[in-house]
Amino acid sequence: MQYAKHRVCQLYRLGVVPYAEAWLLQQQLVQERRSSPDLQDVLLLLEHPPVYTLGQGASLDFVQFIPGPSMPELVRVERGGEVTYHCPGQLVGYPILNLRRHQPDLHWYLRQLEAVILAVFVQLGLPGERRPGMTGVWIGGRKVAAIGIKVSRWITMHGFALNVCPDLAGFGQIVPCGLRDYPVGSLAEFLPNITVEAVQPLIEAAFTQVFGYQFCLQSPGQAAQRLQAQAVPHQQEGL
């Protein structure tokens, strides 16, 4: 099967989306591509209302609050990694890619996602860096981008979360990514007036460069239809 010709990626700009809806949308897109591998790849770009997520094997030892009605929801999902926090002001990217079109190698894919973030930092004049043996991107000793993925039959889901201008207080309720010695940071600490709206086009451009894509922008109506189809009651998994 020849994949080199399939270099178009559907782009969904979704705005602020509840975590459960975006999660179900990812699962649907992955299942469609497991059944029909020739379908185009997808990138979902969005923000979430406040929510904590745990990776499949994540430890509750890193959760420092008692879940309840006064706290954001705590959800265990199928990605790798430990606990993290999502909230408005954080730009989240969920690539649904068939890695057979690129390189069927999880380490390669993680480094490519880091390369997307680092390319954005170059455009912003910020000194981003990797840390040996770790996944994510740092600036000045502060982790500003986290990455957690799931791959099934070489189809990816979940992805990256870049702290642009979020309220970082929510990270104080957890040990983010299980790293006690690495504080979480945001771009706004280095560029005080930065916004998600300013960063998103840079992410899009970097993604096309790193993965060799042309985007096919999905209309707001298409995005709304997709999200409406996912707007069903979602049972929180046992923690």
C-alpha atoms as a PDB file:
ATOM      1  CA  MET A   1       0.000   0.000   0.000  1.00  0.00           C
ATOM      2  CA  GLN A   2       1.439   3.363  -1.024  1.00  0.00           C
ATOM      3  CA  TYR A   3       1.054   6.101   1.584  1.00  0.00           C
ATOM      4  CA  ALA A   4       3.409   8.731   0.165  1.00  0.00           C
ATOM      5  CA  LYS A   5       0.575  10.367  -1.812  1.00  0.00           C
ATOM      6  CA  HIS A   6      -1.570  10.848   1.302  1.00  0.00           C
ATOM      7  CA  ARG A   7      -0.137  14.087   2.666  1.00  0.00           C
ATOM      8  CA  VAL A   8      -3.375  15.938   3.377  1.00  0.00           C
ATOM      9  CA  CYS A   9      -4.393  16.317   7.016  1.00  0.00           C
ATOM     10  CA  GLN A  10      -7.853  17.416   8.137  1.00  0.00           C
ATOM     11  CA  LEU A  11      -7.628  20.322  10.588  1.00  0.00           C
ATOM     12  CA  TYR A  12     -10.338  20.956  13.179  1.00  0.00           C
ATOM     13  CA  ARG A  13     -10.197  24.239  15.102  1.00  0.00           C
ATOM     14  CA  LEU A  14     -12.626  23.410  17.902  1.00  0.00           C
ATOM     15  CA  GLY A  15     -12.250  26.165  20.519  1.00  0.00           C
ATOM     16  CA  VAL A  16     -13.160  25.199  24.091  1.00  0.00           C
ATOM     17  CA  VAL A  17     -14.504  21.638  24.258  1.00  0.00           C
ATOM     18  CA  PRO A  18     -15.415  19.511  27.323  1.00  0.00           C
ATOM     19  CA  TYR A  19     -12.879  16.744  27.769  1.00  0.00           C
ATOM     20  CA  ALA A  20     -15.393  13.905  27.459  1.00  0.00           C
ATOM     21  CA  GLU A  21     -16.637  15.157  24.078  1.00  0.00           C
ATOM     22  CA  ALA A  22     -13.147  15.497  22.631  1.00  0.00           C
ATOM     23  CA  TRP A  23     -12.171  12.086  23.989  1.00  0.00           C
ATOM     24  CA  LEU A  24     -15.151  10.398  22.351  1.00  0.00           C
ATOM     25  CA  LEU A  25     -14.449  12.255  19.112  1.00  0.00           C
ATOM     26  CA  GLN A  26     -10.878  10.942  19.131  1.00  0.00           C
ATOM     27  CA  GLN A  27     -12.083   7.402  19.728  1.00  0.00           C
ATOM     28  CA  GLN A  28     -14.494   7.667  16.816  1.00  0.00           C
ATOM     29  CA  LEU A  29     -11.827   9.032  14.463  1.00  0.00           C
ATOM     30  CA  VAL A  30      -9.373   6.312  15.493  1.00  0.00           C
ATOM     31  CA  GLN A  31     -11.934   3.548  14.983  1.00  0.00           C
ATOM     32  CA  GLU A  32     -12.791   4.893  11.537  1.00  0.00           C
ATOM     33  CA  ARG A  33      -9.118   4.802  10.563  1.00  0.00           C
ATOM     34  CA  ARG A  34      -8.514   1.373  12.002  1.00  0.00           C
ATOM     35  CA  SER A  35     -11.342   0.149   9.768  1.00  0.00           C
ATOM     36  CA  SER A  36     -10.288   2.271   6.761  1.00  0.00           C
ATOM     37  CA  PRO A  37      -6.540   3.057   6.938  1.00  0.00           C
ATOM     38  CA  ASP A  38      -6.661   5.166   3.756  1.00  0.00           C
ATOM     39  CA  LEU A  39      -8.720   7.890   5.452  1.00  0.00           C
ATOM     40  CA  GLN A  40      -6.897  11.210   5.819  1.00  0.00           C
ATOM     41  CA  ASP A  41      -5.053  12.029   9.023  1.00  0.00           C
ATOM     42  CA  VAL A  42      -6.575  14.551  11.426  1.00  0.00           C
ATOM     43  CA  LEU A  43      -5.365  17.232  13.824  1.00  0.00           C
ATOM     44  CA  LEU A  44      -7.749  18.517  16.506  1.00  0.00           C
ATOM     45  CA  LEU A  45      -6.740  21.826  18.116  1.00  0.00           C
ATOM     46  CA  LEU A  46      -8.727  22.963  21.147  1.00  0.00           C
ATOM     47  CA  GLU A  47      -8.849  24.017  24.775  1.00  0.00           C
ATOM     48  CA  HIS A  48     -10.547  22.242  27.664  1.00  0.00           C
ATOM     49  CA  PRO A  49     -12.476  23.479  30.686  1.00  0.00           C
ATOM     50  CA  PRO A  50     -10.628  22.503  33.904  1.00  0.00           C
ATOM     51  CA  VAL A  51     -10.080  18.736  34.109  1.00  0.00           C
ATOM     52  CA  TYR A  52      -7.451  16.339  35.455  1.00  0.00           C
ATOM     53  CA  THR A  53      -6.497  13.256  33.463  1.00  0.00           C
ATOM     54  CA  LEU A  54      -4.576  10.151  34.461  1.00  0.00           C
ATOM     55  CA  GLY A  55      -2.679   7.926  32.064  1.00  0.00           C
ATOM     56  CA  GLN A  56      -3.625   4.274  31.809  1.00  0.00           C
ATOM     57  CA  GLY A  57      -1.079   3.159  34.389  1.00  0.00           C
ATOM     58  CA  ALA A  58      -0.797   6.436  36.308  1.00  0.00           C
ATOM     59  CA  SER A  59      -0.467   6.393  40.086  1.00  0.00           C
ATOM     60  CA  LEU A  60      -2.987   8.136  42.328  1.00  0.00           C
ATOM     61  CA  ASP A  61      -0.032   8.977  44.595  1.00  0.00           C
ATOM     62  CA  PHE A  62       0.512  12.027  42.397  1.00  0.00           C
ATOM     63  CA  VAL A  63      -3.033  13.324  42.963  1.00  0.00           C
ATOM     64  CA  GLN A  64      -3.020  15.613  45.997  1.00  0.00           C
ATOM     65  CA  PHE A  65      -6.721  16.334  46.365  1.00  0.00           C
ATOM     66  CA  ILE A  66      -9.873  14.395  47.160  1.00  0.00           C
ATOM     67  CA  PRO A  67     -12.132  14.212  44.083  1.00  0.00           C
ATOM     68  CA  GLY A  68     -15.525  15.793  44.654  1.00  0.00           C
ATOM     69  CA  PRO A  69     -18.119  18.237  43.333  1.00  0.00           C
ATOM     70  CA  SER A  70     -15.969  21.244  44.210  1.00  0.00           C
ATOM     71  CA  MET A  71     -13.018  19.999  42.134  1.00  0.00           C
ATOM     72  CA  PRO A  72     -12.566  19.525  38.386  1.00  0.00           C
ATOM     73  CA  GLU A  73     -13.319  16.035  37.116  1.00  0.00           C
ATOM     74  CA  LEU A  74     -10.564  13.405  37.381  1.00  0.00           C
ATOM     75  CA  VAL A  75     -10.577  11.008  34.413  1.00  0.00           C
ATOM     76  CA  ARG A  76      -8.432   7.967  33.655  1.00  0.00           C
ATOM     77  CA  VAL A  77      -7.768   7.559  29.941  1.00  0.00           C
ATOM     78  CA  GLU A  78      -5.802   5.206  27.696  1.00  0.00           C
ATOM     79  CA  ARG A  79      -2.775   7.420  27.030  1.00  0.00           C
ATOM     80  CA  GLY A  80       0.636   6.880  28.578  1.00  0.00           C
ATOM     81  CA  GLY A  81       2.061   9.084  31.325  1.00  0.00           C
ATOM     82  CA  GLU A  82       0.977  10.230  34.763  1.00  0.00           C
ATOM     83  CA  VAL A  83      -1.517  12.874  35.905  1.00  0.00           C
ATOM     84  CA  THR A  84      -1.848  16.228  34.172  1.00  0.00           C
ATOM     85  CA  TYR A  85      -4.182  19.229  34.167  1.00  0.00           C
ATOM     86  CA  HIS A  86      -6.053  20.907  31.326  1.00  0.00           C
ATOM     87  CA  CYS A  87      -7.731  24.310  31.455  1.00  0.00           C
ATOM     88  CA  PRO A  88      -8.440  27.330  29.210  1.00  0.00           C
ATOM     89  CA  GLY A  89      -5.281  29.073  28.072  1.00  0.00           C
ATOM     90  CA  GLN A  90      -3.641  25.733  27.328  1.00  0.00           C
ATOM     91  CA  LEU A  91      -3.533  24.782  23.642  1.00  0.00           C
ATOM     92  CA  VAL A  92      -4.164  21.060  23.207  1.00  0.00           C
ATOM     93  CA  GLY A  93      -3.400  19.123  20.037  1.00  0.00           C
ATOM     94  CA  TYR A  94      -4.770  15.660  19.301  1.00  0.00           C
ATOM     95  CA  PRO A  95      -3.207  14.228  16.116  1.00  0.00           C
ATOM     96  CA  ILE A  96      -4.990  11.176  14.703  1.00  0.00           C
ATOM     97  CA  LEU A  97      -2.244   9.935  12.405  1.00  0.00           C
ATOM     98  CA  ASN A  98      -1.456   6.700  10.646  1.00  0.00           C
ATOM     99  CA  LEU A  99       2.227   6.320  11.468  1.00  0.00           C
ATOM    100  CA  ARG A 100       2.672   3.910   8.570  1.00  0.00           C
ATOM    101  CA  ARG A 101       2.576   7.046   6.414  1.00  0.00           C
ATOM    102  CA  HIS A 102       5.531   8.417   8.331  1.00  0.00           C
ATOM    103  CA  GLN A 103       7.612   6.117  10.505  1.00  0.00           C
ATOM    104  CA  PRO A 104       6.077   3.351  12.652  1.00  0.00           C
ATOM    105  CA  ASP A 105       8.204   4.185  15.672  1.00  0.00           C
ATOM    106  CA  LEU A 106       6.792   5.591  18.927  1.00  0.00           C
ATOM    107  CA  HIS A 107      10.028   7.277  19.990  1.00  0.00           C
ATOM    108  CA  TRP A 108      10.314   8.958  16.596  1.00  0.00           C
ATOM    109  CA  TYR A 109       6.737  10.203  16.904  1.00  0.00           C
ATOM    110  CA  LEU A 110       7.280  11.651  20.384  1.00  0.00           C
ATOM    111  CA  ARG A 111      10.384  13.490  19.191  1.00  0.00           C
ATOM    112  CA  GLN A 112       8.407  14.861  16.226  1.00  0.00           C
ATOM    113  CA  LEU A 113       5.744  16.271  18.528  1.00  0.00           C
ATOM    114  CA  GLU A 114       8.481  17.906  20.583  1.00  0.00           C
ATOM    115  CA  ALA A 115       9.958  19.288  17.358  1.00  0.00           C
ATOM    116  CA  VAL A 116       6.616  20.969  16.557  1.00  0.00           C
ATOM    117  CA  ILE A 117       6.650  22.761  19.922  1.00  0.00           C
ATOM    118  CA  LEU A 118      10.326  23.696  19.640  1.00  0.00           C
ATOM    119  CA  ALA A 119       9.748  25.185  16.174  1.00  0.00           C
ATOM    120  CA  VAL A 120       7.050  27.423  17.659  1.00  0.00           C
ATOM    121  CA  PHE A 121       9.443  28.577  20.376  1.00  0.00           C
ATOM    122  CA  VAL A 122      11.997  29.524  17.720  1.00  0.00           C
ATOM    123  CA  GLN A 123       9.354  31.729  16.078  1.00  0.00           C
ATOM    124  CA  LEU A 124       8.635  33.342  19.453  1.00  0.00           C
ATOM    125  CA  GLY A 125      12.314  33.850  20.281  1.00  0.00           C
ATOM    126  CA  LEU A 126      12.147  31.529  23.298  1.00  0.00           C
ATOM    127  CA  PRO A 127      14.925  29.072  24.301  1.00  0.00           C
ATOM    128  CA  GLY A 128      12.984  25.799  24.359  1.00  0.00           C
ATOM    129  CA  GLU A 129      14.774  22.580  25.184  1.00  0.00           C
ATOM    130  CA  ARG A 130      14.349  18.860  25.625  1.00  0.00           C
ATOM    131  CA  ARG A 131      15.476  16.967  28.731  1.00  0.00           C
ATOM    132  CA  PRO A 132      17.399  13.696  28.182  1.00  0.00           C
ATOM    133  CA  GLY A 133      15.308  10.652  29.008  1.00  0.00           C
ATOM    134  CA  MET A 134      12.093  12.688  29.384  1.00  0.00           C
ATOM    135  CA  THR A 135       9.182  13.603  27.136  1.00  0.00           C
ATOM    136  CA  GLY A 136       8.020  17.199  26.792  1.00  0.00           C
ATOM    137  CA  VAL A 137       9.506  20.655  26.271  1.00  0.00           C
ATOM    138  CA  TRP A 138      11.019  23.038  28.830  1.00  0.00           C
ATOM    139  CA  ILE A 139      11.966  26.716  29.013  1.00  0.00           C
ATOM    140  CA  GLY A 140      14.360  27.846  31.711  1.00  0.00           C
ATOM    141  CA  GLY A 141      13.840  24.742  33.821  1.00  0.00           C
ATOM    142  CA  ARG A 142      10.025  24.978  33.649  1.00  0.00           C
ATOM    143  CA  LYS A 143       7.995  22.380  31.763  1.00  0.00           C
ATOM    144  CA  VAL A 144       5.682  24.240  29.404  1.00  0.00           C
ATOM    145  CA  ALA A 145       4.540  21.408  27.115  1.00  0.00           C
ATOM    146  CA  ALA A 146       3.481  17.891  28.094  1.00  0.00           C
ATOM    147  CA  ILE A 147       2.987  14.963  25.726  1.00  0.00           C
ATOM    148  CA  GLY A 148       1.035  11.754  26.256  1.00  0.00           C
ATOM    149  CA  ILE A 149      -0.050   9.414  23.469  1.00  0.00           C
ATOM    150  CA  LYS A 150      -1.842   6.185  22.664  1.00  0.00           C
ATOM    151  CA  VAL A 151      -1.112   4.205  19.495  1.00  0.00           C
ATOM    152  CA  SER A 152      -3.238   1.309  18.240  1.00  0.00           C
ATOM    153  CA  ARG A 153      -2.393  -0.433  14.951  1.00  0.00           C
ATOM    154  CA  TRP A 154      -0.113   2.549  14.364  1.00  0.00           C
ATOM    155  CA  ILE A 155      -3.053   4.989  14.587  1.00  0.00           C
ATOM    156  CA  THR A 156      -2.315   7.721  17.148  1.00  0.00           C
ATOM    157  CA  MET A 157      -4.546   9.540  19.611  1.00  0.00           C
ATOM    158  CA  HIS A 158      -4.126  11.988  22.521  1.00  0.00           C
ATOM    159  CA  GLY A 159      -1.106  14.241  21.960  1.00  0.00           C
ATOM    160  CA  PHE A 160       0.363  17.461  23.359  1.00  0.00           C
ATOM    161  CA  ALA A 161      -0.685  20.237  25.742  1.00  0.00           C
ATOM    162  CA  LEU A 162       1.124  23.584  25.502  1.00  0.00           C
ATOM    163  CA  ASN A 163       0.695  26.012  28.398  1.00  0.00           C
ATOM    164  CA  VAL A 164       0.228  29.348  26.644  1.00  0.00           C
ATOM    165  CA  CYS A 165      -1.521  31.562  29.209  1.00  0.00           C
ATOM    166  CA  PRO A 166      -3.398  29.272  31.642  1.00  0.00           C
ATOM    167  CA  ASP A 167      -4.032  29.749  35.341  1.00  0.00           C
ATOM    168  CA  LEU A 168      -1.312  27.447  36.659  1.00  0.00           C
ATOM    169  CA  ALA A 169      -2.887  27.151  40.125  1.00  0.00           C
ATOM    170  CA  GLY A 170      -4.598  23.900  39.186  1.00  0.00           C
ATOM    171  CA  PHE A 171      -1.233  22.207  38.756  1.00  0.00           C
ATOM    172  CA  GLY A 172      -0.645  22.768  42.468  1.00  0.00           C
ATOM    173  CA  GLN A 173      -3.170  20.012  43.249  1.00  0.00           C
ATOM    174  CA  ILE A 174      -1.080  17.318  41.542  1.00  0.00           C
ATOM    175  CA  VAL A 175       2.492  16.256  40.859  1.00  0.00           C
ATOM    176  CA  PRO A 176       2.380  17.014  37.120  1.00  0.00           C
ATOM    177  CA  CYS A 177       3.601  14.103  35.007  1.00  0.00           C
ATOM    178  CA  GLY A 178       4.924  12.576  38.237  1.00  0.00           C
ATOM    179  CA  LEU A 179       7.918  14.954  38.218  1.00  0.00           C
ATOM    180  CA  ARG A 180       8.347  16.440  41.679  1.00  0.00           C
ATOM    181  CA  ASP A 181      11.509  18.398  40.885  1.00  0.00           C
ATOM    182  CA  TYR A 182      10.347  20.152  37.704  1.00  0.00           C
ATOM    183  CA  PRO A 183       7.973  23.113  38.046  1.00  0.00           C
ATOM    184  CA  VAL A 184       5.301  23.735  35.431  1.00  0.00           C
ATOM    185  CA  GLY A 185       5.494  26.976  33.473  1.00  0.00           C
ATOM    186  CA  SER A 186       3.725  28.821  30.680  1.00  0.00           C
ATOM    187  CA  LEU A 187       4.641  31.003  27.733  1.00  0.00           C
ATOM    188  CA  ALA A 188       2.948  33.936  29.468  1.00  0.00           C
ATOM    189  CA  GLU A 189       5.688  33.906  32.099  1.00  0.00           C
ATOM    190  CA  PHE A 190       8.151  34.824  29.353  1.00  0.00           C
ATOM    191  CA  LEU A 191       5.812  36.702  26.972  1.00  0.00           C
ATOM    192  CA  PRO A 192       3.174  38.331  29.209  1.00  0.00           C
ATOM    193  CA  ASN A 193       0.697  39.272  26.463  1.00  0.00           C
ATOM    194  CA  ILE A 194       0.761  35.948  24.598  1.00  0.00           C
ATOM    195  CA  THR A 195      -2.592  34.348  23.699  1.00  0.00           C
ATOM    196  CA  VAL A 196      -3.785  31.001  22.394  1.00  0.00           C
ATOM    197  CA  GLU A 197      -5.098  32.807  19.309  1.00  0.00           C
ATOM    198  CA  ALA A 198      -1.571  34.041  18.554  1.00  0.00           C
ATOM    199  CA  VAL A 199       0.104  30.676  19.117  1.00  0.00           C
ATOM    200  CA  GLN A 200      -2.322  28.418  17.271  1.00  0.00           C
ATOM    201  CA  PRO A 201      -1.282  29.519  13.739  1.00  0.00           C
ATOM    202  CA  LEU A 202       2.356  28.906  14.710  1.00  0.00           C
ATOM    203  CA  ILE A 203       1.486  25.384  15.876  1.00  0.00           C
ATOM    204  CA  GLU A 204      -0.338  24.740  12.619  1.00  0.00           C
ATOM    205  CA  ALA A 205       2.583  25.945  10.517  1.00  0.00           C
ATOM    206  CA  ALA A 206       5.116  23.951  12.530  1.00  0.00           C
ATOM    207  CA  PHE A 207       2.984  20.810  12.313  1.00  0.00           C
ATOM    208  CA  THR A 208       2.821  21.010   8.519  1.00  0.00           C
ATOM    209  CA  GLN A 209       6.593  21.489   8.326  1.00  0.00           C
ATOM    210  CA  VAL A 210       7.547  18.697  10.725  1.00  0.00           C
ATOM    211  CA  PHE A 211       5.133  16.100   9.320  1.00  0.00           C
ATOM    212  CA  GLY A 212       5.100  17.227   5.681  1.00  0.00           C
ATOM    213  CA  TYR A 213       1.375  17.980   5.464  1.00  0.00           C
ATOM    214  CA  GLN A 214      -1.019  20.298   3.734  1.00  0.00           C
ATOM    215  CA  PHE A 215      -4.050  21.070   5.882  1.00  0.00           C
ATOM    216  CA  CYS A 216      -7.625  20.701   4.735  1.00  0.00           C
ATOM    217  CA  LEU A 217      -9.500  22.999   7.114  1.00  0.00           C
ATOM    218  CA  GLN A 218     -12.803  21.542   8.263  1.00  0.00           C
ATOM    219  CA  SER A 219     -15.641  24.051   8.335  1.00  0.00           C
ATOM    220  CA  PRO A 220     -17.184  25.172  11.648  1.00  0.00           C
ATOM    221  CA  GLY A 221     -20.336  23.302  10.594  1.00  0.00           C
ATOM    222  CA  GLN A 222     -18.423  20.053  10.129  1.00  0.00           C
ATOM    223  CA  ALA A 223     -16.726  20.509  13.474  1.00  0.00           C
ATOM    224  CA  ALA A 224     -20.035  21.282  15.190  1.00  0.00           C
ATOM    225  CA  GLN A 225     -21.656  18.190  13.686  1.00  0.00           C
ATOM    226  CA  ARG A 226     -18.804  16.009  14.879  1.00  0.00           C
ATOM    227  CA  LEU A 227     -18.978  17.423  18.396  1.00  0.00           C
ATOM    228  CA  GLN A 228     -22.780  17.232  18.536  1.00  0.00           C
ATOM    229  CA  ALA A 229     -22.583  13.568  17.713  1.00  0.00           C
ATOM    230  CA  GLN A 230     -20.324  13.075  20.743  1.00  0.00           C
ATOM    231  CA  ALA A 231     -22.434  15.118  23.177  1.00  0.00           C
ATOM    232  CA  VAL A 232     -23.792  12.114  25.067  1.00  0.00           C
ATOM    233  CA  PRO A 233     -23.529  11.266  28.791  1.00  0.00           C
ATOM    234  CA  HIS A 234     -20.073   9.876  29.543  1.00  0.00           C
ATOM    235  CA  GLN A 235     -19.358   7.567  32.438  1.00  0.00           C
ATOM    236  CA  GLN A 236     -16.150   8.431  34.287  1.00  0.00           C
ATOM    237  CA  GLU A 237     -13.882   5.400  34.441  1.00  0.00           C
ATOM    238  CA  GLY A 238     -12.958   3.923  37.781  1.00  0.00           C
ATOM    239  CA  LEU A 239      -9.838   5.412  39.291  1.00  0.00           C
END
